[in-house]
């Protein structure tokens, strides 16, 4: 299951999160998640789905031996990082995030919509 371990490491790196953070978001111990990252163990289906969800990808992507890496723009990567992070939040946390994002959008609109 080497492609899985490689894809797991790569996806967390793409999202800018540590293995410990990925484990926390998936509700797994660092040790258990470390076994998957190292290729020593394979997750059951339910765990695989949970990991894929918190990493903002699919089980198929994690399991595939993909030779062609999908190139994404920095904006797409930021959106993927945000999606993966929000998957681990509770409703109250999501409400706070929505308020922050709306405030940022309002400030941007008032500034004339200028982009950085």
PDB file of N, CA and C in Angstrom:
ATOM      1  N   UNK A   1       0.828  -1.193   0.000  1.00  0.00           N
ATOM      2  CA  UNK A   1       0.000   0.000   0.000  1.00  0.00           C
ATOM      3  C   UNK A   1       0.868   1.251   0.000  1.00  0.00           C
ATOM      4  N   UNK A   2       2.019   1.164  -0.608  1.00  0.00           N
ATOM      5  CA  UNK A   2       2.954   2.280  -0.671  1.00  0.00           C
ATOM      6  C   UNK A   2       2.376   3.526  -1.320  1.00  0.00           C
ATOM      7  N   UNK A   3       1.614   3.418  -2.433  1.00  0.00           N
ATOM      8  CA  UNK A   3       1.034   4.651  -2.996  1.00  0.00           C
ATOM      9  C   UNK A   3       0.167   5.385  -1.977  1.00  0.00           C
ATOM     10  N   UNK A   4      -0.560   4.650  -1.156  1.00  0.00           N
ATOM     11  CA  UNK A   4      -1.408   5.287  -0.139  1.00  0.00           C
ATOM     12  C   UNK A   4      -0.566   6.100   0.826  1.00  0.00           C
ATOM     13  N   UNK A   5       0.485   5.516   1.360  1.00  0.00           N
ATOM     14  CA  UNK A   5       1.349   6.225   2.312  1.00  0.00           C
ATOM     15  C   UNK A   5       1.955   7.466   1.664  1.00  0.00           C
ATOM     16  N   UNK A   6       2.428   7.331   0.452  1.00  0.00           N
ATOM     17  CA  UNK A   6       3.019   8.460  -0.272  1.00  0.00           C
ATOM     18  C   UNK A   6       1.984   9.546  -0.516  1.00  0.00           C
ATOM     19  N   UNK A   7       0.799   9.158  -0.976  1.00  0.00           N
ATOM     20  CA  UNK A   7      -0.253  10.131  -1.253  1.00  0.00           C
ATOM     21  C   UNK A   7      -0.736  10.820   0.019  1.00  0.00           C
ATOM     22  N   UNK A   8      -0.755  10.080   1.115  1.00  0.00           N
ATOM     23  CA  UNK A   8      -1.166  10.633   2.396  1.00  0.00           C
ATOM     24  C   UNK A   8      -0.195  11.733   2.828  1.00  0.00           C
ATOM     25  N   UNK A   9       1.086  11.430   2.762  1.00  0.00           N
ATOM     26  CA  UNK A   9       2.110  12.426   3.124  1.00  0.00           C
ATOM     27  C   UNK A   9       2.037  13.638   2.211  1.00  0.00           C
ATOM     28  N   UNK A  10       1.909  13.371   0.913  1.00  0.00           N
ATOM     29  CA  UNK A  10       1.906  14.446  -0.071  1.00  0.00           C
ATOM     30  C   UNK A  10       0.695  15.353   0.113  1.00  0.00           C
ATOM     31  N   UNK A  11      -0.474  14.768   0.346  1.00  0.00           N
ATOM     32  CA  UNK A  11      -1.682  15.581   0.480  1.00  0.00           C
ATOM     33  C   UNK A  11      -1.618  16.472   1.715  1.00  0.00           C
ATOM     34  N   UNK A  12      -1.151  15.944   2.829  1.00  0.00           N
ATOM     35  CA  UNK A  12      -1.015  16.769   4.034  1.00  0.00           C
ATOM     36  C   UNK A  12      -0.028  17.904   3.786  1.00  0.00           C
ATOM     37  N   UNK A  13       1.047  17.599   3.100  1.00  0.00           N
ATOM     38  CA  UNK A  13       2.044  18.622   2.764  1.00  0.00           C
ATOM     39  C   UNK A  13       1.423  19.696   1.870  1.00  0.00           C
ATOM     40  N   UNK A  14       0.638  19.290   0.880  1.00  0.00           N
ATOM     41  CA  UNK A  14      -0.033  20.247  -0.006  1.00  0.00           C
ATOM     42  C   UNK A  14      -0.937  21.187   0.781  1.00  0.00           C
ATOM     43  N   UNK A  15      -1.579  20.659   1.811  1.00  0.00           N
ATOM     44  CA  UNK A  15      -2.491  21.456   2.628  1.00  0.00           C
ATOM     45  C   UNK A  15      -1.760  22.243   3.708  1.00  0.00           C
ATOM     46  N   UNK A  16      -0.473  21.978   3.856  1.00  0.00           N
ATOM     47  CA  UNK A  16       0.312  22.693   4.857  1.00  0.00           C
ATOM     48  C   UNK A  16       0.004  22.287   6.279  1.00  0.00           C
ATOM     49  N   UNK A  17      -0.384  21.018   6.464  1.00  0.00           N
ATOM     50  CA  UNK A  17      -0.666  20.539   7.817  1.00  0.00           C
ATOM     51  C   UNK A  17       0.264  19.386   8.166  1.00  0.00           C
ATOM     52  N   UNK A  18       0.501  19.242   9.438  1.00  0.00           N
ATOM     53  CA  UNK A  18       1.368  18.164   9.911  1.00  0.00           C
ATOM     54  C   UNK A  18       0.584  16.859   9.988  1.00  0.00           C
ATOM     55  N   UNK A  19       1.308  15.770  10.136  1.00  0.00           N
ATOM     56  CA  UNK A  19       0.663  14.477  10.337  1.00  0.00           C
ATOM     57  C   UNK A  19      -0.152  14.492  11.625  1.00  0.00           C
ATOM     58  N   UNK A  20       0.371  15.163  12.644  1.00  0.00           N
ATOM     59  CA  UNK A  20      -0.345  15.245  13.918  1.00  0.00           C
ATOM     60  C   UNK A  20      -1.673  15.968  13.750  1.00  0.00           C
ATOM     61  N   UNK A  21      -1.674  17.040  12.962  1.00  0.00           N
ATOM     62  CA  UNK A  21      -2.910  17.787  12.724  1.00  0.00           C
ATOM     63  C   UNK A  21      -3.889  16.967  11.894  1.00  0.00           C
ATOM     64  N   UNK A  22      -3.391  16.280  10.890  1.00  0.00           N
ATOM     65  CA  UNK A  22      -4.266  15.415  10.076  1.00  0.00           C
ATOM     66  C   UNK A  22      -4.886  14.332  10.953  1.00  0.00           C
ATOM     67  N   UNK A  23      -4.094  13.746  11.829  1.00  0.00           N
ATOM     68  CA  UNK A  23      -4.603  12.721  12.741  1.00  0.00           C
ATOM     69  C   UNK A  23      -5.678  13.299  13.653  1.00  0.00           C
ATOM     70  N   UNK A  24      -5.416  14.472  14.217  1.00  0.00           N
ATOM     71  CA  UNK A  24      -6.379  15.109  15.112  1.00  0.00           C
ATOM     72  C   UNK A  24      -7.700  15.367  14.390  1.00  0.00           C
ATOM     73  N   UNK A  25      -7.611  15.904  13.181  1.00  0.00           N
ATOM     74  CA  UNK A  25      -8.823  16.207  12.423  1.00  0.00           C
ATOM     75  C   UNK A  25      -9.614  14.947  12.079  1.00  0.00           C
ATOM     76  N   UNK A  26      -8.909  13.843  11.869  1.00  0.00           N
ATOM     77  CA  UNK A  26      -9.570  12.580  11.532  1.00  0.00           C
ATOM     78  C   UNK A  26     -10.028  11.814  12.769  1.00  0.00           C
ATOM     79  N   UNK A  27      -9.687  12.328  13.956  1.00  0.00           N
ATOM     80  CA  UNK A  27     -10.081  11.654  15.189  1.00  0.00           C
ATOM     81  C   UNK A  27      -9.270  10.403  15.461  1.00  0.00           C
ATOM     82  N   UNK A  28      -8.002  10.411  15.010  1.00  0.00           N
ATOM     83  CA  UNK A  28      -7.116   9.265  15.190  1.00  0.00           C
ATOM     84  C   UNK A  28      -5.948   9.643  16.087  1.00  0.00           C
ATOM     85  N   UNK A  29      -5.358   8.659  16.722  1.00  0.00           N
ATOM     86  CA  UNK A  29      -4.144   8.933  17.485  1.00  0.00           C
ATOM     87  C   UNK A  29      -3.001   9.171  16.499  1.00  0.00           C
ATOM     88  N   UNK A  30      -2.018   9.926  16.951  1.00  0.00           N
ATOM     89  CA  UNK A  30      -0.856  10.180  16.094  1.00  0.00           C
ATOM     90  C   UNK A  30      -0.152   8.878  15.740  1.00  0.00           C
ATOM     91  N   UNK A  31      -0.109   7.962  16.677  1.00  0.00           N
ATOM     92  CA  UNK A  31       0.555   6.681  16.435  1.00  0.00           C
ATOM     93  C   UNK A  31      -0.149   5.888  15.330  1.00  0.00           C
ATOM     94  N   UNK A  32      -1.473   5.817  15.433  1.00  0.00           N
ATOM     95  CA  UNK A  32      -2.240   5.073  14.428  1.00  0.00           C
ATOM     96  C   UNK A  32      -2.069   5.717  13.055  1.00  0.00           C
ATOM     97  N   UNK A  33      -2.208   7.043  12.987  1.00  0.00           N
ATOM     98  CA  UNK A  33      -2.057   7.751  11.718  1.00  0.00           C
ATOM     99  C   UNK A  33      -0.634   7.570  11.185  1.00  0.00           C
ATOM    100  N   UNK A  34       0.341   7.586  12.089  1.00  0.00           N
ATOM    101  CA  UNK A  34       1.733   7.384  11.698  1.00  0.00           C
ATOM    102  C   UNK A  34       1.958   6.032  11.043  1.00  0.00           C
ATOM    103  N   UNK A  35       1.221   5.024  11.488  1.00  0.00           N
ATOM    104  CA  UNK A  35       1.323   3.703  10.859  1.00  0.00           C
ATOM    105  C   UNK A  35       0.841   3.744   9.408  1.00  0.00           C
ATOM    106  N   UNK A  36      -0.147   4.557   9.130  1.00  0.00           N
ATOM    107  CA  UNK A  36      -0.646   4.690   7.751  1.00  0.00           C
ATOM    108  C   UNK A  36       0.353   5.466   6.895  1.00  0.00           C
ATOM    109  N   UNK A  37       0.886   6.546   7.462  1.00  0.00           N
ATOM    110  CA  UNK A  37       1.842   7.384   6.730  1.00  0.00           C
ATOM    111  C   UNK A  37       3.125   6.627   6.409  1.00  0.00           C
ATOM    112  N   UNK A  38       3.521   5.752   7.310  1.00  0.00           N
ATOM    113  CA  UNK A  38       4.751   4.988   7.099  1.00  0.00           C
ATOM    114  C   UNK A  38       4.530   3.753   6.227  1.00  0.00           C
ATOM    115  N   UNK A  39       3.271   3.398   5.998  1.00  0.00           N
ATOM    116  CA  UNK A  39       2.974   2.218   5.190  1.00  0.00           C
ATOM    117  C   UNK A  39       2.988   0.927   5.978  1.00  0.00           C
ATOM    118  N   UNK A  40       3.104   1.006   7.314  1.00  0.00           N
ATOM    119  CA  UNK A  40       3.120  -0.208   8.136  1.00  0.00           C
ATOM    120  C   UNK A  40       1.736  -0.833   8.274  1.00  0.00           C
ATOM    121  N   UNK A  41       0.710  -0.009   8.202  1.00  0.00           N
ATOM    122  CA  UNK A  41      -0.668  -0.491   8.360  1.00  0.00           C
ATOM    123  C   UNK A  41      -1.549   0.113   7.281  1.00  0.00           C
ATOM    124  N   UNK A  42      -2.709  -0.526   7.085  1.00  0.00           N
ATOM    125  CA  UNK A  42      -3.703  -0.034   6.150  1.00  0.00           C
ATOM    126  C   UNK A  42      -4.986   0.263   6.918  1.00  0.00           C
ATOM    127  N   UNK A  43      -5.634   1.371   6.612  1.00  0.00           N
ATOM    128  CA  UNK A  43      -6.879   1.692   7.323  1.00  0.00           C
ATOM    129  C   UNK A  43      -8.049   0.867   6.814  1.00  0.00           C
ATOM    130  N   UNK A  44      -9.048   0.699   7.675  1.00  0.00           N
ATOM    131  CA  UNK A  44     -10.286   0.085   7.202  1.00  0.00           C
ATOM    132  C   UNK A  44     -11.027   1.124   6.364  1.00  0.00           C
ATOM    133  N   UNK A  45     -12.095   0.708   5.720  1.00  0.00           N
ATOM    134  CA  UNK A  45     -12.806   1.588   4.790  1.00  0.00           C
ATOM    135  C   UNK A  45     -13.331   2.845   5.477  1.00  0.00           C
ATOM    136  N   UNK A  46     -13.931   2.690   6.636  1.00  0.00           N
ATOM    137  CA  UNK A  46     -14.490   3.851   7.341  1.00  0.00           C
ATOM    138  C   UNK A  46     -13.399   4.860   7.687  1.00  0.00           C
ATOM    139  N   UNK A  47     -12.253   4.359   8.125  1.00  0.00           N
ATOM    140  CA  UNK A  47     -11.137   5.243   8.468  1.00  0.00           C
ATOM    141  C   UNK A  47     -10.577   5.905   7.220  1.00  0.00           C
ATOM    142  N   UNK A  48     -10.472   5.168   6.139  1.00  0.00           N
ATOM    143  CA  UNK A  48      -9.993   5.720   4.873  1.00  0.00           C
ATOM    144  C   UNK A  48     -10.890   6.874   4.422  1.00  0.00           C
ATOM    145  N   UNK A  49     -12.180   6.679   4.505  1.00  0.00           N
ATOM    146  CA  UNK A  49     -13.126   7.724   4.110  1.00  0.00           C
ATOM    147  C   UNK A  49     -12.977   8.947   5.006  1.00  0.00           C
ATOM    148  N   UNK A  50     -12.826   8.728   6.301  1.00  0.00           N
ATOM    149  CA  UNK A  50     -12.652   9.837   7.250  1.00  0.00           C
ATOM    150  C   UNK A  50     -11.383  10.618   6.952  1.00  0.00           C
ATOM    151  N   UNK A  51     -10.295   9.920   6.683  1.00  0.00           N
ATOM    152  CA  UNK A  51      -9.027  10.573   6.359  1.00  0.00           C
ATOM    153  C   UNK A  51      -9.161  11.379   5.067  1.00  0.00           C
ATOM    154  N   UNK A  52      -9.758  10.771   4.056  1.00  0.00           N
ATOM    155  CA  UNK A  52      -9.937  11.466   2.771  1.00  0.00           C
ATOM    156  C   UNK A  52     -10.761  12.727   2.963  1.00  0.00           C
ATOM    157  N   UNK A  53     -11.793  12.648   3.777  1.00  0.00           N
ATOM    158  CA  UNK A  53     -12.657  13.812   4.015  1.00  0.00           C
ATOM    159  C   UNK A  53     -11.882  14.953   4.653  1.00  0.00           C
ATOM    160  N   UNK A  54     -11.110  14.662   5.691  1.00  0.00           N
ATOM    161  CA  UNK A  54     -10.386  15.746   6.363  1.00  0.00           C
ATOM    162  C   UNK A  54      -9.248  16.288   5.506  1.00  0.00           C
ATOM    163  N   UNK A  55      -8.777  15.498   4.557  1.00  0.00           N
ATOM    164  CA  UNK A  55      -7.729  15.975   3.657  1.00  0.00           C
ATOM    165  C   UNK A  55      -8.307  16.577   2.376  1.00  0.00           C
ATOM    166  N   UNK A  56      -9.630  16.661   2.313  1.00  0.00           N
ATOM    167  CA  UNK A  56     -10.275  17.296   1.171  1.00  0.00           C
ATOM    168  C   UNK A  56     -10.018  16.592  -0.147  1.00  0.00           C
ATOM    169  N   UNK A  57     -10.036  15.268  -0.100  1.00  0.00           N
ATOM    170  CA  UNK A  57      -9.807  14.478  -1.308  1.00  0.00           C
ATOM    171  C   UNK A  57     -10.718  13.259  -1.274  1.00  0.00           C
ATOM    172  N   UNK A  58     -10.476  12.310  -2.140  1.00  0.00           N
ATOM    173  CA  UNK A  58     -11.296  11.098  -2.185  1.00  0.00           C
ATOM    174  C   UNK A  58     -10.445   9.883  -1.824  1.00  0.00           C
ATOM    175  N   UNK A  59     -11.083   8.808  -1.388  1.00  0.00           N
ATOM    176  CA  UNK A  59     -10.329   7.584  -1.148  1.00  0.00           C
ATOM    177  C   UNK A  59      -9.592   7.128  -2.407  1.00  0.00           C
ATOM    178  N   UNK A  60     -10.225   7.255  -3.565  1.00  0.00           N
ATOM    179  CA  UNK A  60      -9.577   6.841  -4.817  1.00  0.00           C
ATOM    180  C   UNK A  60      -8.284   7.602  -5.059  1.00  0.00           C
ATOM    181  N   UNK A  61      -8.308   8.899  -4.801  1.00  0.00           N
ATOM    182  CA  UNK A  61      -7.093   9.699  -4.984  1.00  0.00           C
ATOM    183  C   UNK A  61      -5.989   9.248  -4.031  1.00  0.00           C
ATOM    184  N   UNK A  62      -6.350   8.946  -2.801  1.00  0.00           N
ATOM    185  CA  UNK A  62      -5.343   8.507  -1.832  1.00  0.00           C
ATOM    186  C   UNK A  62      -4.783   7.134  -2.176  1.00  0.00           C
ATOM    187  N   UNK A  63      -5.595   6.288  -2.770  1.00  0.00           N
ATOM    188  CA  UNK A  63      -5.165   4.922  -3.068  1.00  0.00           C
ATOM    189  C   UNK A  63      -4.479   4.779  -4.421  1.00  0.00           C
ATOM    190  N   UNK A  64      -4.668   5.750  -5.294  1.00  0.00           N
ATOM    191  CA  UNK A  64      -4.154   5.598  -6.657  1.00  0.00           C
ATOM    192  C   UNK A  64      -2.653   5.829  -6.740  1.00  0.00           C
ATOM    193  N   UNK A  65      -2.060   5.149  -7.689  1.00  0.00           N
ATOM    194  CA  UNK A  65      -0.638   5.345  -7.985  1.00  0.00           C
ATOM    195  C   UNK A  65      -0.570   6.350  -9.121  1.00  0.00           C
ATOM    196  N   UNK A  66      -0.934   7.561  -8.805  1.00  0.00           N
ATOM    197  CA  UNK A  66      -1.044   8.584  -9.848  1.00  0.00           C
ATOM    198  C   UNK A  66       0.324   9.038 -10.330  1.00  0.00           C
ATOM    199  N   UNK A  67       0.509   8.866 -11.602  1.00  0.00           N
ATOM    200  CA  UNK A  67       1.768   9.275 -12.216  1.00  0.00           C
ATOM    201  C   UNK A  67       1.725  10.736 -12.601  1.00  0.00           C
ATOM    202  N   UNK A  68       0.530  11.231 -12.890  1.00  0.00           N
ATOM    203  CA  UNK A  68       0.388  12.624 -13.312  1.00  0.00           C
ATOM    204  C   UNK A  68      -0.202  13.458 -12.182  1.00  0.00           C
ATOM    205  N   UNK A  69       0.618  14.287 -11.607  1.00  0.00           N
ATOM    206  CA  UNK A  69       0.172  15.146 -10.520  1.00  0.00           C
ATOM    207  C   UNK A  69      -0.640  16.300 -11.102  1.00  0.00           C
ATOM    208  N   UNK A  70      -1.740  16.588 -10.465  1.00  0.00           N
ATOM    209  CA  UNK A  70      -2.580  17.691 -10.909  1.00  0.00           C
ATOM    210  C   UNK A  70      -1.963  18.986 -10.416  1.00  0.00           C
ATOM    211  N   UNK A  71      -1.709  19.894 -11.356  1.00  0.00           N
ATOM    212  CA  UNK A  71      -1.138  21.181 -11.010  1.00  0.00           C
ATOM    213  C   UNK A  71      -2.280  22.140 -10.729  1.00  0.00           C
ATOM    214  N   UNK A  72      -2.229  22.760  -9.565  1.00  0.00           N
ATOM    215  CA  UNK A  72      -3.270  23.707  -9.208  1.00  0.00           C
ATOM    216  C   UNK A  72      -2.658  25.074  -8.987  1.00  0.00           C
ATOM    217  N   UNK A  73      -3.500  26.072  -9.085  1.00  0.00           N
ATOM    218  CA  UNK A  73      -3.039  27.439  -8.843  1.00  0.00           C
ATOM    219  C   UNK A  73      -2.942  27.666  -7.343  1.00  0.00           C
ATOM    220  N   UNK A  74      -2.211  28.704  -6.955  1.00  0.00           N
ATOM    221  CA  UNK A  74      -2.161  29.024  -5.515  1.00  0.00           C
ATOM    222  C   UNK A  74      -3.563  29.265  -4.940  1.00  0.00           C
ATOM    223  N   UNK A  75      -4.421  29.922  -5.701  1.00  0.00           N
ATOM    224  CA  UNK A  75      -5.783  30.178  -5.217  1.00  0.00           C
ATOM    225  C   UNK A  75      -6.531  28.870  -4.977  1.00  0.00           C
ATOM    226  N   UNK A  76      -6.396  27.905  -5.896  1.00  0.00           N
ATOM    227  CA  UNK A  76      -7.059  26.607  -5.726  1.00  0.00           C
ATOM    228  C   UNK A  76      -6.522  25.887  -4.486  1.00  0.00           C
ATOM    229  N   UNK A  77      -5.219  25.989  -4.257  1.00  0.00           N
ATOM    230  CA  UNK A  77      -4.637  25.329  -3.081  1.00  0.00           C
ATOM    231  C   UNK A  77      -5.153  25.959  -1.793  1.00  0.00           C
ATOM    232  N   UNK A  78      -5.290  27.302  -1.774  1.00  0.00           N
ATOM    233  CA  UNK A  78      -5.839  27.952  -0.584  1.00  0.00           C
ATOM    234  C   UNK A  78      -7.272  27.495  -0.339  1.00  0.00           C
ATOM    235  N   UNK A  79      -8.046  27.395  -1.407  1.00  0.00           N
ATOM    236  CA  UNK A  79      -9.431  26.943  -1.258  1.00  0.00           C
ATOM    237  C   UNK A  79      -9.486  25.497  -0.753  1.00  0.00           C
ATOM    238  N   UNK A  80      -8.599  24.650  -1.251  1.00  0.00           N
ATOM    239  CA  UNK A  80      -8.547  23.259  -0.787  1.00  0.00           C
ATOM    240  C   UNK A  80      -8.139  23.197   0.679  1.00  0.00           C
ATOM    241  N   UNK A  81      -7.181  24.032   1.068  1.00  0.00           N
ATOM    242  CA  UNK A  81      -6.763  24.071   2.471  1.00  0.00           C
ATOM    243  C   UNK A  81      -7.910  24.500   3.365  1.00  0.00           C
ATOM    244  N   UNK A  82      -8.654  25.515   2.930  1.00  0.00           N
ATOM    245  CA  UNK A  82      -9.795  25.996   3.712  1.00  0.00           C
ATOM    246  C   UNK A  82     -10.861  24.911   3.805  1.00  0.00           C
ATOM    247  N   UNK A  83     -11.176  24.263   2.691  1.00  0.00           N
ATOM    248  CA  UNK A  83     -12.178  23.197   2.689  1.00  0.00           C
ATOM    249  C   UNK A  83     -11.784  22.061   3.632  1.00  0.00           C
ATOM    250  N   UNK A  84     -10.514  21.665   3.576  1.00  0.00           N
ATOM    251  CA  UNK A  84     -10.053  20.569   4.431  1.00  0.00           C
ATOM    252  C   UNK A  84     -10.110  20.965   5.900  1.00  0.00           C
ATOM    253  N   UNK A  85      -9.740  22.186   6.207  1.00  0.00           N
ATOM    254  CA  UNK A  85      -9.759  22.634   7.600  1.00  0.00           C
ATOM    255  C   UNK A  85     -11.180  22.750   8.129  1.00  0.00           C
ATOM    256  N   UNK A  86     -12.095  23.269   7.328  1.00  0.00           N
ATOM    257  CA  UNK A  86     -13.464  23.442   7.811  1.00  0.00           C
ATOM    258  C   UNK A  86     -14.187  22.113   7.993  1.00  0.00           C
ATOM    259  N   UNK A  87     -13.729  21.081   7.334  1.00  0.00           N
ATOM    260  CA  UNK A  87     -14.360  19.762   7.505  1.00  0.00           C
ATOM    261  C   UNK A  87     -14.230  19.266   8.939  1.00  0.00           C
ATOM    262  N   UNK A  88     -13.246  19.784   9.667  1.00  0.00           N
ATOM    263  CA  UNK A  88     -13.014  19.328  11.042  1.00  0.00           C
ATOM    264  C   UNK A  88     -13.690  20.221  12.083  1.00  0.00           C
ATOM    265  N   UNK A  89     -14.404  21.252  11.638  1.00  0.00           N
ATOM    266  CA  UNK A  89     -14.990  22.205  12.573  1.00  0.00           C
ATOM    267  C   UNK A  89     -16.415  21.845  12.965  1.00  0.00           C
ATOM    268  N   UNK A  90     -16.776  22.299  14.148  1.00  0.00           N
ATOM    269  CA  UNK A  90     -18.144  22.143  14.640  1.00  0.00           C
ATOM    270  C   UNK A  90     -18.995  23.311  14.137  1.00  0.00           C
ATOM    271  N   UNK A  91     -20.322  23.197  14.194  1.00  0.00           N
ATOM    272  CA  UNK A  91     -21.183  24.270  13.691  1.00  0.00           C
ATOM    273  C   UNK A  91     -20.879  25.659  14.273  1.00  0.00           C
ATOM    274  N   UNK A  92     -20.613  25.755  15.571  1.00  0.00           N
ATOM    275  CA  UNK A  92     -20.289  27.055  16.168  1.00  0.00           C
ATOM    276  C   UNK A  92     -19.017  27.638  15.570  1.00  0.00           C
ATOM    277  N   UNK A  93     -18.032  26.777  15.344  1.00  0.00           N
ATOM    278  CA  UNK A  93     -16.781  27.232  14.729  1.00  0.00           C
ATOM    279  C   UNK A  93     -17.021  27.692  13.297  1.00  0.00           C
ATOM    280  N   UNK A  94     -17.858  26.956  12.568  1.00  0.00           N
ATOM    281  CA  UNK A  94     -18.164  27.328  11.184  1.00  0.00           C
ATOM    282  C   UNK A  94     -18.853  28.688  11.122  1.00  0.00           C
ATOM    283  N   UNK A  95     -19.713  28.954  12.086  1.00  0.00           N
ATOM    284  CA  UNK A  95     -20.376  30.257  12.130  1.00  0.00           C
ATOM    285  C   UNK A  95     -19.348  31.370  12.314  1.00  0.00           C
ATOM    286  N   UNK A  96     -18.378  31.165  13.188  1.00  0.00           N
ATOM    287  CA  UNK A  96     -17.324  32.161  13.406  1.00  0.00           C
ATOM    288  C   UNK A  96     -16.502  32.372  12.134  1.00  0.00           C
ATOM    289  N   UNK A  97     -16.180  31.282  11.458  1.00  0.00           N
ATOM    290  CA  UNK A  97     -15.414  31.378  10.212  1.00  0.00           C
ATOM    291  C   UNK A  97     -16.211  32.164   9.172  1.00  0.00           C
ATOM    292  N   UNK A  98     -17.506  31.885   9.068  1.00  0.00           N
ATOM    293  CA  UNK A  98     -18.353  32.592   8.103  1.00  0.00           C
ATOM    294  C   UNK A  98     -18.363  34.091   8.398  1.00  0.00           C
ATOM    295  N   UNK A  99     -18.441  34.470   9.665  1.00  0.00           N
ATOM    296  CA  UNK A  99     -18.445  35.879  10.041  1.00  0.00           C
ATOM    297  C   UNK A  99     -17.123  36.543   9.644  1.00  0.00           C
ATOM    298  N   UNK A 100     -16.022  35.855   9.883  1.00  0.00           N
ATOM    299  CA  UNK A 100     -14.703  36.398   9.532  1.00  0.00           C
ATOM    300  C   UNK A 100     -14.575  36.567   8.023  1.00  0.00           C
ATOM    301  N   UNK A 101     -14.982  35.554   7.267  1.00  0.00           N
ATOM    302  CA  UNK A 101     -14.873  35.616   5.804  1.00  0.00           C
ATOM    303  C   UNK A 101     -15.767  36.721   5.252  1.00  0.00           C
ATOM    304  N   UNK A 102     -16.972  36.839   5.784  1.00  0.00           N
ATOM    305  CA  UNK A 102     -17.864  37.905   5.339  1.00  0.00           C
ATOM    306  C   UNK A 102     -17.280  39.279   5.637  1.00  0.00           C
ATOM    307  N   UNK A 103     -16.641  39.432   6.805  1.00  0.00           N
ATOM    308  CA  UNK A 103     -16.015  40.706   7.155  1.00  0.00           C
ATOM    309  C   UNK A 103     -14.873  41.024   6.187  1.00  0.00           C
ATOM    310  N   UNK A 104     -14.071  40.033   5.856  1.00  0.00           N
ATOM    311  CA  UNK A 104     -12.987  40.245   4.890  1.00  0.00           C
ATOM    312  C   UNK A 104     -13.530  40.655   3.523  1.00  0.00           C
ATOM    313  N   UNK A 105     -14.611  40.007   3.092  1.00  0.00           N
ATOM    314  CA  UNK A 105     -15.218  40.334   1.808  1.00  0.00           C
ATOM    315  C   UNK A 105     -15.761  41.761   1.801  1.00  0.00           C
ATOM    316  N   UNK A 106     -16.362  42.166   2.911  1.00  0.00           N
ATOM    317  CA  UNK A 106     -16.895  43.521   3.021  1.00  0.00           C
ATOM    318  C   UNK A 106     -15.781  44.557   2.945  1.00  0.00           C
ATOM    319  N   UNK A 107     -14.694  44.309   3.639  1.00  0.00           N
ATOM    320  CA  UNK A 107     -13.544  45.217   3.589  1.00  0.00           C
ATOM    321  C   UNK A 107     -13.001  45.300   2.164  1.00  0.00           C
ATOM    322  N   UNK A 108     -12.922  44.179   1.491  1.00  0.00           N
ATOM    323  CA  UNK A 108     -12.422  44.141   0.107  1.00  0.00           C
ATOM    324  C   UNK A 108     -13.338  44.949  -0.814  1.00  0.00           C
ATOM    325  N   UNK A 109     -14.656  44.785  -0.643  1.00  0.00           N
ATOM    326  CA  UNK A 109     -15.623  45.532  -1.465  1.00  0.00           C
ATOM    327  C   UNK A 109     -15.500  47.032  -1.247  1.00  0.00           C
ATOM    328  N   UNK A 110     -15.341  47.433  -0.011  1.00  0.00           N
ATOM    329  CA  UNK A 110     -15.223  48.857   0.320  1.00  0.00           C
ATOM    330  C   UNK A 110     -13.925  49.459  -0.221  1.00  0.00           C
ATOM    331  N   UNK A 111     -12.928  48.600  -0.356  1.00  0.00           N
ATOM    332  CA  UNK A 111     -11.638  49.059  -0.876  1.00  0.00           C
ATOM    333  C   UNK A 111     -11.640  49.104  -2.411  1.00  0.00           C
ATOM    334  N   UNK A 112     -12.785  48.836  -2.999  1.00  0.00           N
ATOM    335  CA  UNK A 112     -12.897  48.885  -4.450  1.00  0.00           C
ATOM    336  C   UNK A 112     -12.616  47.578  -5.143  1.00  0.00           C
ATOM    337  N   UNK A 113     -12.581  46.488  -4.382  1.00  0.00           N
ATOM    338  CA  UNK A 113     -12.382  45.178  -4.996  1.00  0.00           C
ATOM    339  C   UNK A 113     -10.986  44.932  -5.481  1.00  0.00           C
ATOM    340  N   UNK A 114     -10.033  45.763  -5.073  1.00  0.00           N
ATOM    341  CA  UNK A 114      -8.646  45.579  -5.497  1.00  0.00           C
ATOM    342  C   UNK A 114      -8.113  44.241  -5.024  1.00  0.00           C
ATOM    343  N   UNK A 115      -7.328  43.593  -5.868  1.00  0.00           N
ATOM    344  CA  UNK A 115      -6.734  42.317  -5.488  1.00  0.00           C
ATOM    345  C   UNK A 115      -5.271  42.503  -5.211  1.00  0.00           C
ATOM    346  N   UNK A 116      -4.778  41.650  -4.365  1.00  0.00           N
ATOM    347  CA  UNK A 116      -3.363  41.718  -3.993  1.00  0.00           C
ATOM    348  C   UNK A 116      -2.492  41.150  -5.063  1.00  0.00           C
TER     349      UNK A 116
END
